[in-house]
Amino acid sequence: MGLGSAVVVTRKFAVFMLALTLLSTAAFAEDSEKRFTPAGATDVAVVGEPVHVGDELTASILVHNQGSEIGSVRLVLNDSNGLS
């Protein structure tokens, strides 16, 4: 598998894990005042492709807090081995 294929697989895995996180009960506060959901597309946007070993990438996703409390989220990308 080439590096480009690995990036696509990693991105799909990251999107899947992020969607699970955003849609799971762990993303909601006990009082349901912080409710983070993907805003628009659920894909992670990646800037800097094609990628080579040692290159830096920028990844982002837009989220929306449907609750009434202030909160924050962070995007953590892992490879298929679970490494950040």
N, C-alpha and C. Protein backbone atom coordinates (compact mmCIF):
# COMPACT_ATOMS: atom_id res chain seq x y z
N MET A 1 0.86 -1.17 0.00
CA MET A 1 0.00 0.00 0.00
C MET A 1 0.91 1.23 0.00
N GLY A 2 0.65 2.17 -0.92
CA GLY A 2 1.43 3.39 -1.01
C GLY A 2 1.06 4.36 0.09
N LEU A 3 1.87 5.40 0.21
CA LEU A 3 1.62 6.40 1.25
C LEU A 3 0.31 7.12 1.02
N GLY A 4 -0.03 7.39 -0.26
CA GLY A 4 -1.31 8.05 -0.56
C GLY A 4 -2.49 7.22 -0.11
N SER A 5 -2.41 5.89 -0.33
CA SER A 5 -3.49 5.00 0.12
C SER A 5 -3.58 4.98 1.63
N ALA A 6 -2.43 5.03 2.29
CA ALA A 6 -2.43 5.03 3.76
C ALA A 6 -3.09 6.28 4.30
N VAL A 7 -2.87 7.42 3.63
CA VAL A 7 -3.49 8.67 4.07
C VAL A 7 -5.00 8.59 3.93
N VAL A 8 -5.48 8.03 2.81
CA VAL A 8 -6.92 7.89 2.60
C VAL A 8 -7.53 6.99 3.66
N VAL A 9 -6.89 5.85 3.94
CA VAL A 9 -7.39 4.93 4.96
C VAL A 9 -7.37 5.61 6.32
N THR A 10 -6.28 6.32 6.63
CA THR A 10 -6.18 7.01 7.91
C THR A 10 -7.26 8.07 8.04
N ARG A 11 -7.51 8.81 6.95
CA ARG A 11 -8.53 9.86 6.99
C ARG A 11 -9.91 9.24 7.22
N LYS A 12 -10.21 8.14 6.52
CA LYS A 12 -11.52 7.49 6.70
C LYS A 12 -11.67 6.99 8.13
N PHE A 13 -10.60 6.43 8.68
CA PHE A 13 -10.64 5.95 10.06
C PHE A 13 -10.85 7.12 11.02
N ALA A 14 -10.15 8.25 10.76
CA ALA A 14 -10.30 9.42 11.62
C ALA A 14 -11.71 9.98 11.56
N VAL A 15 -12.29 10.02 10.36
CA VAL A 15 -13.66 10.51 10.21
C VAL A 15 -14.62 9.60 10.96
N PHE A 16 -14.43 8.29 10.84
CA PHE A 16 -15.28 7.33 11.53
C PHE A 16 -15.18 7.51 13.04
N MET A 17 -13.95 7.64 13.55
CA MET A 17 -13.76 7.79 14.99
C MET A 17 -14.31 9.12 15.48
N LEU A 18 -14.14 10.19 14.69
CA LEU A 18 -14.67 11.49 15.08
C LEU A 18 -16.19 11.46 15.09
N ALA A 19 -16.79 10.83 14.10
CA ALA A 19 -18.25 10.74 14.05
C ALA A 19 -18.77 9.96 15.26
N LEU A 20 -18.09 8.88 15.60
CA LEU A 20 -18.50 8.11 16.79
C LEU A 20 -18.38 8.97 18.04
N THR A 21 -17.32 9.74 18.15
CA THR A 21 -17.13 10.59 19.32
C THR A 21 -18.19 11.67 19.40
N LEU A 22 -18.44 12.33 18.27
CA LEU A 22 -19.41 13.42 18.27
C LEU A 22 -20.82 12.93 18.53
N LEU A 23 -21.14 11.74 18.07
CA LEU A 23 -22.50 11.24 18.18
C LEU A 23 -22.71 10.36 19.41
N SER A 24 -21.65 10.06 20.14
CA SER A 24 -21.79 9.22 21.32
C SER A 24 -22.26 10.04 22.52
N THR A 25 -22.68 9.35 23.55
CA THR A 25 -23.13 10.06 24.75
C THR A 25 -21.98 10.77 25.44
N ALA A 26 -20.74 10.36 25.19
CA ALA A 26 -19.59 11.01 25.82
C ALA A 26 -19.43 12.45 25.36
N ALA A 27 -19.96 12.78 24.19
CA ALA A 27 -19.84 14.15 23.67
C ALA A 27 -20.89 15.08 24.27
N PHE A 28 -21.78 14.54 25.05
CA PHE A 28 -22.86 15.33 25.64
C PHE A 28 -22.60 15.51 27.13
N ALA A 29 -22.85 16.69 27.63
CA ALA A 29 -22.74 16.94 29.06
C ALA A 29 -23.92 16.27 29.76
N GLU A 30 -23.78 16.05 31.05
CA GLU A 30 -24.86 15.40 31.80
C GLU A 30 -26.17 16.18 31.68
N ASP A 31 -26.07 17.50 31.62
CA ASP A 31 -27.28 18.31 31.53
C ASP A 31 -27.69 18.57 30.08
N SER A 32 -27.00 17.94 29.14
CA SER A 32 -27.29 18.06 27.71
C SER A 32 -27.22 19.51 27.21
N GLU A 33 -26.42 20.34 27.86
CA GLU A 33 -26.28 21.73 27.44
C GLU A 33 -25.16 21.91 26.42
N LYS A 34 -24.26 20.92 26.30
CA LYS A 34 -23.22 20.95 25.28
C LYS A 34 -23.50 19.79 24.34
N ARG A 35 -23.88 20.09 23.13
CA ARG A 35 -24.20 19.03 22.17
C ARG A 35 -23.47 19.32 20.88
N PHE A 36 -22.31 18.69 20.70
CA PHE A 36 -21.48 18.91 19.52
C PHE A 36 -21.86 17.92 18.42
N THR A 37 -22.12 18.45 17.25
CA THR A 37 -22.44 17.63 16.09
C THR A 37 -21.68 18.18 14.90
N PRO A 38 -21.42 17.34 13.89
CA PRO A 38 -20.77 17.86 12.68
C PRO A 38 -21.66 18.92 12.03
N ALA A 39 -21.06 20.00 11.58
CA ALA A 39 -21.80 21.06 10.88
C ALA A 39 -21.50 20.92 9.40
N GLY A 40 -22.50 20.62 8.62
CA GLY A 40 -22.27 20.39 7.19
C GLY A 40 -21.75 18.99 6.97
N ALA A 41 -20.72 18.87 6.17
CA ALA A 41 -20.15 17.56 5.83
C ALA A 41 -19.47 16.94 7.05
N THR A 42 -19.47 15.62 7.11
CA THR A 42 -18.82 14.92 8.22
C THR A 42 -17.40 14.50 7.87
N ASP A 43 -16.91 14.90 6.70
CA ASP A 43 -15.55 14.56 6.29
C ASP A 43 -14.54 15.50 6.94
N VAL A 44 -13.36 14.97 7.20
CA VAL A 44 -12.26 15.78 7.67
C VAL A 44 -11.60 16.43 6.46
N ALA A 45 -11.40 17.73 6.50
CA ALA A 45 -10.72 18.45 5.42
C ALA A 45 -9.22 18.37 5.66
N VAL A 46 -8.47 17.95 4.64
CA VAL A 46 -7.03 17.82 4.76
C VAL A 46 -6.37 18.74 3.74
N VAL A 47 -5.43 19.56 4.19
CA VAL A 47 -4.68 20.46 3.32
C VAL A 47 -3.22 20.02 3.35
N GLY A 48 -2.59 19.97 2.19
CA GLY A 48 -1.18 19.61 2.13
C GLY A 48 -0.91 18.32 1.39
N GLU A 49 -1.92 17.77 0.71
CA GLU A 49 -1.72 16.54 -0.05
C GLU A 49 -1.23 16.88 -1.44
N PRO A 50 -0.51 16.07 -2.15
CA PRO A 50 -0.07 14.73 -1.73
C PRO A 50 0.97 14.82 -0.62
N VAL A 51 1.01 13.79 0.17
CA VAL A 51 1.86 13.80 1.35
C VAL A 51 3.03 12.84 1.17
N HIS A 52 4.14 13.24 1.75
CA HIS A 52 5.34 12.40 1.77
C HIS A 52 5.81 12.31 3.21
N VAL A 53 6.60 11.31 3.52
CA VAL A 53 7.10 11.12 4.88
C VAL A 53 7.77 12.40 5.35
N GLY A 54 7.38 12.87 6.51
CA GLY A 54 7.95 14.08 7.09
C GLY A 54 7.18 15.35 6.78
N ASP A 55 6.22 15.27 5.86
CA ASP A 55 5.41 16.45 5.52
C ASP A 55 4.41 16.75 6.62
N GLU A 56 4.03 18.02 6.71
CA GLU A 56 2.99 18.43 7.65
C GLU A 56 1.67 18.55 6.91
N LEU A 57 0.60 18.16 7.58
CA LEU A 57 -0.75 18.28 7.04
C LEU A 57 -1.58 19.11 8.00
N THR A 58 -2.57 19.77 7.47
CA THR A 58 -3.55 20.46 8.30
C THR A 58 -4.88 19.74 8.11
N ALA A 59 -5.49 19.31 9.21
CA ALA A 59 -6.78 18.63 9.15
C ALA A 59 -7.78 19.39 10.00
N SER A 60 -9.01 19.49 9.51
CA SER A 60 -10.03 20.21 10.27
C SER A 60 -11.41 19.67 9.94
N ILE A 61 -12.33 19.93 10.84
CA ILE A 61 -13.74 19.61 10.63
C ILE A 61 -14.54 20.67 11.38
N LEU A 62 -15.64 21.08 10.80
CA LEU A 62 -16.48 22.10 11.41
C LEU A 62 -17.53 21.42 12.29
N VAL A 63 -17.62 21.85 13.54
CA VAL A 63 -18.62 21.30 14.46
C VAL A 63 -19.52 22.41 14.96
N HIS A 64 -20.69 22.01 15.39
CA HIS A 64 -21.70 22.95 15.88
C HIS A 64 -22.12 22.50 17.27
N ASN A 65 -22.21 23.44 18.19
CA ASN A 65 -22.70 23.16 19.54
C ASN A 65 -24.18 23.52 19.56
N GLN A 66 -25.03 22.52 19.58
CA GLN A 66 -26.47 22.75 19.58
C GLN A 66 -27.01 23.04 20.98
N GLY A 67 -26.14 23.00 21.97
CA GLY A 67 -26.56 23.28 23.34
C GLY A 67 -26.44 24.76 23.66
N SER A 68 -26.70 25.09 24.91
CA SER A 68 -26.68 26.49 25.33
C SER A 68 -25.44 26.84 26.15
N GLU A 69 -24.59 25.87 26.46
CA GLU A 69 -23.38 26.11 27.24
C GLU A 69 -22.17 26.20 26.32
N ILE A 70 -21.17 26.98 26.72
CA ILE A 70 -19.92 27.08 25.96
C ILE A 70 -19.13 25.80 26.17
N GLY A 71 -18.46 25.35 25.13
CA GLY A 71 -17.64 24.16 25.22
C GLY A 71 -16.62 24.14 24.10
N SER A 72 -15.82 23.10 24.05
CA SER A 72 -14.84 22.97 22.99
C SER A 72 -14.64 21.50 22.66
N VAL A 73 -14.12 21.25 21.48
CA VAL A 73 -13.77 19.90 21.05
C VAL A 73 -12.38 19.97 20.45
N ARG A 74 -11.75 18.82 20.28
CA ARG A 74 -10.47 18.77 19.60
C ARG A 74 -10.46 17.59 18.66
N LEU A 75 -9.70 17.71 17.62
CA LEU A 75 -9.58 16.67 16.61
C LEU A 75 -8.29 15.93 16.84
N VAL A 76 -8.37 14.63 17.05
CA VAL A 76 -7.20 13.78 17.22
C VAL A 76 -7.23 12.76 16.11
N LEU A 77 -6.18 12.73 15.30
CA LEU A 77 -6.08 11.76 14.22
C LEU A 77 -5.17 10.63 14.64
N ASN A 78 -5.61 9.41 14.43
CA ASN A 78 -4.83 8.22 14.73
C ASN A 78 -4.64 7.43 13.46
N ASP A 79 -3.50 6.72 13.38
CA ASP A 79 -3.34 5.82 12.25
C ASP A 79 -4.06 4.52 12.55
N SER A 80 -4.01 3.58 11.64
CA SER A 80 -4.77 2.34 11.83
C SER A 80 -4.24 1.51 12.99
N ASN A 81 -3.05 1.85 13.51
CA ASN A 81 -2.50 1.16 14.67
C ASN A 81 -2.86 1.86 15.97
N GLY A 82 -3.62 2.95 15.88
CA GLY A 82 -4.04 3.67 17.06
C GLY A 82 -3.04 4.71 17.54
N LEU A 83 -1.99 4.97 16.75
CA LEU A 83 -0.98 5.95 17.14
C LEU A 83 -1.40 7.34 16.71
N SER A 84 -1.17 8.34 17.57
CA SER A 84 -1.52 9.73 17.25
C SER A 84 -0.45 10.35 16.38
